[in-house]
């Protein structure tokens, strides 16, 4: 039962992280595809570059933190199960 809870938590965490990454890539592409006024798209893309870096760094930190917490919880539950079996 404990492994299922950990596994589902990790899957939810990773799926959320993947959704954030995909949204970060797809939404600007769609926004640029609708731009038909002939303005300079390269300058607009360059203006958004720091935003993408910030989003990537923060998203990466969140993803690493969730993975670490999931791993520690998994190891703690394994340790508790071994203690219960030894009793």
C-alpha atoms as a PDB file:
ATOM      1  CA  UNK A   1       0.000   0.000   0.000  1.00  0.00           C
ATOM      2  CA  UNK A   2       2.795   2.426   0.874  1.00  0.00           C
ATOM      3  CA  UNK A   3       4.575   1.937  -2.452  1.00  0.00           C
ATOM      4  CA  UNK A   4       1.384   2.745  -4.354  1.00  0.00           C
ATOM      5  CA  UNK A   5       1.018   6.045  -2.493  1.00  0.00           C
ATOM      6  CA  UNK A   6       4.643   7.001  -3.206  1.00  0.00           C
ATOM      7  CA  UNK A   7       4.359   5.936  -6.825  1.00  0.00           C
ATOM      8  CA  UNK A   8       1.178   7.939  -7.407  1.00  0.00           C
ATOM      9  CA  UNK A   9       2.723  10.998  -5.720  1.00  0.00           C
ATOM     10  CA  UNK A  10       5.812  10.791  -7.916  1.00  0.00           C
ATOM     11  CA  UNK A  11       3.691  10.344 -11.033  1.00  0.00           C
ATOM     12  CA  UNK A  12       1.573  13.373 -10.131  1.00  0.00           C
ATOM     13  CA  UNK A  13       4.673  15.446  -9.432  1.00  0.00           C
ATOM     14  CA  UNK A  14       6.380  14.491 -12.662  1.00  0.00           C
ATOM     15  CA  UNK A  15       3.236  14.968 -14.732  1.00  0.00           C
ATOM     16  CA  UNK A  16       2.810  18.459 -13.275  1.00  0.00           C
ATOM     17  CA  UNK A  17       6.421  19.276 -14.095  1.00  0.00           C
ATOM     18  CA  UNK A  18       6.018  17.989 -17.661  1.00  0.00           C
ATOM     19  CA  UNK A  19       2.845  20.041 -18.066  1.00  0.00           C
ATOM     20  CA  UNK A  20       4.666  23.196 -16.956  1.00  0.00           C
ATOM     21  CA  UNK A  21       7.540  22.554 -19.355  1.00  0.00           C
ATOM     22  CA  UNK A  22       5.235  21.849 -22.292  1.00  0.00           C
ATOM     23  CA  UNK A  23       3.144  24.940 -21.546  1.00  0.00           C
ATOM     24  CA  UNK A  24       6.325  27.021 -21.408  1.00  0.00           C
ATOM     25  CA  UNK A  25       7.304  25.844 -24.866  1.00  0.00           C
ATOM     26  CA  UNK A  26       3.927  25.628 -26.623  1.00  0.00           C
ATOM     27  CA  UNK A  27       2.239  28.845 -25.481  1.00  0.00           C
ATOM     28  CA  UNK A  28       4.891  31.240 -26.881  1.00  0.00           C
ATOM     29  CA  UNK A  29       4.895  29.345 -30.181  1.00  0.00           C
ATOM     30  CA  UNK A  30       1.132  29.743 -30.459  1.00  0.00           C
ATOM     31  CA  UNK A  31       1.366  33.422 -29.555  1.00  0.00           C
ATOM     32  CA  UNK A  32       3.968  33.999 -32.267  1.00  0.00           C
ATOM     33  CA  UNK A  33       1.936  32.068 -34.824  1.00  0.00           C
ATOM     34  CA  UNK A  34      -0.950  34.503 -34.391  1.00  0.00           C
ATOM     35  CA  UNK A  35       1.286  37.554 -34.892  1.00  0.00           C
ATOM     36  CA  UNK A  36       0.652  38.636 -38.511  1.00  0.00           C
ATOM     37  CA  UNK A  37       1.409  42.353 -38.297  1.00  0.00           C
ATOM     38  CA  UNK A  38       4.963  41.882 -39.641  1.00  0.00           C
ATOM     39  CA  UNK A  39       6.721  43.159 -36.535  1.00  0.00           C
ATOM     40  CA  UNK A  40      10.128  41.881 -35.547  1.00  0.00           C
ATOM     41  CA  UNK A  41       9.513  38.541 -33.839  1.00  0.00           C
ATOM     42  CA  UNK A  42      13.189  38.121 -32.954  1.00  0.00           C
ATOM     43  CA  UNK A  43      13.146  41.135 -30.636  1.00  0.00           C
ATOM     44  CA  UNK A  44       9.951  39.938 -28.964  1.00  0.00           C
ATOM     45  CA  UNK A  45      11.467  36.503 -28.469  1.00  0.00           C
ATOM     46  CA  UNK A  46      14.638  38.040 -27.015  1.00  0.00           C
ATOM     47  CA  UNK A  47      12.540  40.059 -24.581  1.00  0.00           C
ATOM     48  CA  UNK A  48      10.974  36.858 -23.251  1.00  0.00           C
ATOM     49  CA  UNK A  49      14.298  35.039 -22.807  1.00  0.00           C
ATOM     50  CA  UNK A  50      14.854  36.048 -19.138  1.00  0.00           C
ATOM     51  CA  UNK A  51      11.313  34.943 -18.359  1.00  0.00           C
ATOM     52  CA  UNK A  52      11.995  31.479 -19.753  1.00  0.00           C
ATOM     53  CA  UNK A  53      15.228  31.186 -17.780  1.00  0.00           C
ATOM     54  CA  UNK A  54      13.455  32.228 -14.588  1.00  0.00           C
ATOM     55  CA  UNK A  55      10.582  29.844 -15.230  1.00  0.00           C
ATOM     56  CA  UNK A  56      12.996  26.999 -15.994  1.00  0.00           C
ATOM     57  CA  UNK A  57      15.097  27.582 -12.889  1.00  0.00           C
ATOM     58  CA  UNK A  58      12.093  27.854 -10.568  1.00  0.00           C
ATOM     59  CA  UNK A  59      10.357  24.871 -12.200  1.00  0.00           C
ATOM     60  CA  UNK A  60      13.548  22.838 -11.958  1.00  0.00           C
ATOM     61  CA  UNK A  61      13.946  23.677  -8.275  1.00  0.00           C
ATOM     62  CA  UNK A  62      10.355  22.660  -7.608  1.00  0.00           C
ATOM     63  CA  UNK A  63      10.809  19.414  -9.544  1.00  0.00           C
ATOM     64  CA  UNK A  64      14.038  18.510  -7.746  1.00  0.00           C
ATOM     65  CA  UNK A  65      12.456  19.328  -4.381  1.00  0.00           C
ATOM     66  CA  UNK A  66       9.410  17.154  -5.094  1.00  0.00           C
ATOM     67  CA  UNK A  67      11.600  14.278  -6.236  1.00  0.00           C
ATOM     68  CA  UNK A  68      13.785  14.564  -3.111  1.00  0.00           C
ATOM     69  CA  UNK A  69      10.803  14.672  -0.759  1.00  0.00           C
ATOM     70  CA  UNK A  70       9.207  11.696  -2.516  1.00  0.00           C
ATOM     71  CA  UNK A  71      12.429   9.708  -2.217  1.00  0.00           C
ATOM     72  CA  UNK A  72      12.858  10.528   1.479  1.00  0.00           C
ATOM     73  CA  UNK A  73       9.238   9.580   2.167  1.00  0.00           C
ATOM     74  CA  UNK A  74       9.681   6.307   0.272  1.00  0.00           C
ATOM     75  CA  UNK A  75      12.844   5.436   2.210  1.00  0.00           C
ATOM     76  CA  UNK A  76      11.209   6.382   5.528  1.00  0.00           C
ATOM     77  CA  UNK A  77       8.211   4.163   4.830  1.00  0.00           C
ATOM     78  CA  UNK A  78      10.520   1.288   3.895  1.00  0.00           C
ATOM     79  CA  UNK A  79      12.388   1.763   7.173  1.00  0.00           C
ATOM     80  CA  UNK A  80       9.111   1.815   9.135  1.00  0.00           C
ATOM     81  CA  UNK A  81       7.946  -1.369   7.430  1.00  0.00           C
ATOM     82  CA  UNK A  82      11.212  -3.120   8.319  1.00  0.00           C
ATOM     83  CA  UNK A  83      10.818  -2.009  11.944  1.00  0.00           C
ATOM     84  CA  UNK A  84       7.245  -3.326  12.018  1.00  0.00           C
ATOM     85  CA  UNK A  85       8.346  -6.652  10.561  1.00  0.00           C
ATOM     86  CA  UNK A  86      11.111  -7.006  13.143  1.00  0.00           C
ATOM     87  CA  UNK A  87       8.672  -6.596  16.048  1.00  0.00           C
END
